[in-house]
Amino acid sequence: MLEDPRILLCYDGSDQAIEAIDFAARFCGGDTRATVLYAWEASPTAISADWAPVTIPPEPDKQEQRRARSLAEAGAQYARDRGLDAEARIDEAMASPWRTIVDVADGEYDLIVMGTRGVTGLRSLVLGSTSHHVVQHAVCPVLIVPAAEIGEARRKLAQANGHAGR
């Protein structure tokens, strides 16, 4: 067991992210140092009818940054309420949220914990999966917490196929 583990909790305000925090608190125990990361994406640059970039005033990005900070703080408070020694962090996702998560975690954290929406099949191919990319590119271990309904459906399927389940 690690003496003083640091975990990175990926948070976007979704039910899956909340379930991941709940699991991390139960799994890691009280007073584990955690950072709740929200990788926010700035609004894309507007384009005029002539396809020439239009300058966007900085105010929308400042509003998004305030919203991101508020969301990360709410996630950190949720984690603290469950016994984790949590702080909030926001980082602007310049390329993609998964790349930001991987870059933030590199060398700083012992474990990344994140939820998953369970997107599979064609939708996953088209949209990509943040958790899949993080697992493929992170240098530290990644714990993926499936949504409760997905976990329950998988348990029922395993039992129907004759596999023992809890």
Protein backbone atom coordinates (compact mmCIF):
# COMPACT_ATOMS: atom_id res chain seq x y z
CA MET A 1 0.00 0.00 0.00
CA LEU A 2 1.23 3.49 -0.81
CA GLU A 3 2.19 5.57 2.20
CA ASP A 4 0.61 8.86 1.10
CA PRO A 5 -1.31 8.26 -2.14
CA ARG A 6 -2.48 11.12 -4.33
CA ILE A 7 -5.48 10.52 -6.52
CA LEU A 8 -6.84 12.53 -9.41
CA LEU A 9 -10.64 12.49 -9.55
CA CYS A 10 -11.96 13.43 -12.99
CA TYR A 11 -15.15 15.39 -12.55
CA ASP A 12 -17.70 16.87 -14.94
CA GLY A 13 -20.73 17.09 -12.67
CA SER A 14 -22.34 13.95 -14.14
CA ASP A 15 -23.90 11.17 -12.12
CA GLN A 16 -21.05 8.92 -13.26
CA ALA A 17 -18.44 11.34 -11.90
CA ILE A 18 -20.28 11.46 -8.58
CA GLU A 19 -20.37 7.65 -8.45
CA ALA A 20 -16.61 7.63 -9.12
CA ILE A 21 -16.01 9.98 -6.16
CA ASP A 22 -18.22 7.79 -3.96
CA PHE A 23 -16.24 4.70 -4.94
CA ALA A 24 -12.87 6.43 -4.49
CA ALA A 25 -13.85 7.53 -0.98
CA ARG A 26 -14.86 3.97 -0.03
CA PHE A 27 -11.86 2.39 -1.76
CA CYS A 28 -9.11 4.76 -0.65
CA GLY A 29 -10.35 5.59 2.83
CA GLY A 30 -10.49 8.82 4.75
CA ASP A 31 -7.96 11.60 4.50
CA THR A 32 -6.56 10.39 1.16
CA ARG A 33 -5.26 13.41 -0.74
CA ALA A 34 -7.32 13.98 -3.86
CA THR A 35 -7.60 16.58 -6.56
CA VAL A 36 -10.94 17.01 -8.29
CA LEU A 37 -10.12 18.00 -11.87
CA TYR A 38 -12.53 19.57 -14.29
CA ALA A 39 -10.98 19.83 -17.76
CA TRP A 40 -13.04 22.59 -19.32
CA GLU A 41 -13.25 23.44 -22.98
CA ALA A 42 -13.39 27.05 -24.11
CA SER A 43 -15.97 28.07 -26.68
CA PRO A 44 -14.83 27.49 -30.22
CA THR A 45 -13.90 30.54 -32.26
CA ALA A 46 -16.86 31.83 -34.22
CA ILE A 47 -16.56 31.87 -37.99
CA SER A 48 -18.25 34.37 -40.27
CA ALA A 49 -20.05 33.52 -43.51
CA ASP A 50 -16.80 34.24 -45.38
CA TRP A 51 -14.95 31.72 -43.18
CA ALA A 52 -12.79 34.47 -41.72
CA PRO A 53 -12.25 34.20 -37.97
CA VAL A 54 -14.25 36.64 -35.91
CA THR A 55 -12.82 38.00 -32.70
CA ILE A 56 -14.79 36.87 -29.69
CA PRO A 57 -14.64 39.10 -26.65
CA PRO A 58 -12.87 37.48 -23.68
CA GLU A 59 -15.95 37.67 -21.45
CA PRO A 60 -17.52 34.34 -22.55
CA ASP A 61 -14.30 32.49 -21.68
CA LYS A 62 -14.16 34.21 -18.29
CA GLN A 63 -17.75 33.13 -17.65
CA GLU A 64 -16.90 29.57 -18.67
CA GLN A 65 -13.85 29.63 -16.43
CA ARG A 66 -15.97 30.81 -13.48
CA ARG A 67 -18.50 28.06 -14.24
CA ALA A 68 -15.67 25.50 -14.44
CA ARG A 69 -14.23 26.68 -11.12
CA SER A 70 -17.66 26.47 -9.49
CA LEU A 71 -18.19 22.94 -10.83
CA ALA A 72 -14.75 21.77 -9.64
CA GLU A 73 -15.31 23.33 -6.21
CA ALA A 74 -18.66 21.54 -5.92
CA GLY A 75 -16.96 18.24 -6.79
CA ALA A 76 -14.20 18.86 -4.25
CA GLN A 77 -16.75 19.68 -1.56
CA TYR A 78 -18.62 16.48 -2.40
CA ALA A 79 -15.35 14.53 -2.03
CA ARG A 80 -14.55 16.26 1.29
CA ASP A 81 -18.03 15.39 2.55
CA ARG A 82 -17.08 11.76 1.94
CA GLY A 83 -13.84 12.02 3.92
CA LEU A 84 -11.28 12.73 1.19
CA ASP A 85 -8.76 15.54 1.61
CA ALA A 86 -9.84 17.12 -1.66
CA GLU A 87 -8.97 20.28 -3.53
CA ALA A 88 -10.43 21.62 -6.77
CA ARG A 89 -8.47 22.17 -9.96
CA ILE A 90 -9.51 23.34 -13.40
CA ASP A 91 -7.46 23.11 -16.55
CA GLU A 92 -8.49 24.31 -19.97
CA ALA A 93 -8.55 21.42 -22.43
CA MET A 94 -6.54 22.81 -25.33
CA ALA A 95 -6.59 19.58 -27.36
CA SER A 96 -9.10 17.30 -25.64
CA PRO A 97 -10.25 16.53 -22.10
CA TRP A 98 -8.49 13.13 -22.09
CA ARG A 99 -5.15 14.71 -23.06
CA THR A 100 -5.54 17.30 -20.30
CA ILE A 101 -6.27 14.56 -17.74
CA VAL A 102 -3.23 12.56 -18.82
CA ASP A 103 -0.95 15.62 -18.80
CA VAL A 104 -2.14 16.75 -15.35
CA ALA A 105 -1.69 13.27 -13.87
CA ASP A 106 1.79 12.67 -15.31
CA GLY A 107 4.21 12.31 -12.39
CA GLU A 108 1.93 14.05 -9.91
CA TYR A 109 -0.65 11.40 -9.04
CA ASP A 110 -0.62 7.72 -8.09
CA LEU A 111 -4.09 6.92 -9.45
CA ILE A 112 -6.66 8.43 -11.79
CA VAL A 113 -10.30 7.70 -10.90
CA MET A 114 -13.06 8.43 -13.37
CA GLY A 115 -16.56 7.36 -14.26
CA THR A 116 -17.77 6.13 -17.59
CA ARG A 117 -21.07 6.49 -19.35
CA GLY A 118 -20.66 3.07 -20.95
CA VAL A 119 -20.83 4.29 -24.53
CA THR A 120 -20.07 1.33 -26.81
CA GLY A 121 -20.33 0.22 -30.40
CA LEU A 122 -20.69 2.70 -33.25
CA ARG A 123 -21.36 5.63 -30.94
CA SER A 124 -18.05 4.97 -29.18
CA LEU A 125 -16.21 4.76 -32.51
CA VAL A 126 -17.69 8.04 -33.71
CA LEU A 127 -17.50 10.00 -30.45
CA GLY A 128 -14.50 8.36 -28.87
CA SER A 129 -14.24 7.62 -25.19
CA THR A 130 -12.45 9.86 -22.74
CA SER A 131 -11.91 6.98 -20.32
CA HIS A 132 -10.58 4.73 -23.08
CA HIS A 133 -8.02 7.34 -24.15
CA VAL A 134 -6.97 8.00 -20.56
CA VAL A 135 -6.42 4.28 -19.95
CA GLN A 136 -4.37 3.99 -23.15
CA HIS A 137 -2.14 7.01 -22.49
CA ALA A 138 -1.79 7.53 -18.73
CA VAL A 139 1.48 6.56 -17.05
CA CYS A 140 -0.19 5.83 -13.70
CA PRO A 141 -2.97 3.30 -12.99
CA VAL A 142 -6.52 4.29 -13.96
CA LEU A 143 -9.62 3.13 -12.11
CA ILE A 144 -12.78 3.28 -14.23
CA VAL A 145 -16.02 3.19 -12.25
CA PRO A 146 -18.97 2.13 -14.41
CA ALA A 147 -22.33 3.78 -13.95
CA ALA A 148 -24.44 1.87 -11.41
CA GLU A 149 -27.01 0.78 -13.98
CA ILE A 150 -24.29 -0.51 -16.30
CA GLY A 151 -22.65 -2.46 -13.48
CA GLU A 152 -25.99 -3.98 -12.48
CA ALA A 153 -26.81 -4.93 -16.06
CA ARG A 154 -23.40 -6.58 -16.44
CA ARG A 155 -23.91 -8.49 -13.17
CA LYS A 156 -27.30 -9.78 -14.35
CA LEU A 157 -25.85 -10.78 -17.71
CA ALA A 158 -22.98 -12.63 -16.03
CA GLN A 159 -25.41 -14.47 -13.74
CA ALA A 160 -27.64 -15.37 -16.72
CA ASN A 161 -24.56 -16.84 -18.40
CA GLY A 162 -23.83 -18.99 -15.36
CA HIS A 163 -21.05 -16.90 -13.84
CA ALA A 164 -21.13 -16.37 -10.09
CA GLY A 165 -21.74 -12.82 -9.02
CA ARG A 166 -22.06 -10.92 -5.79
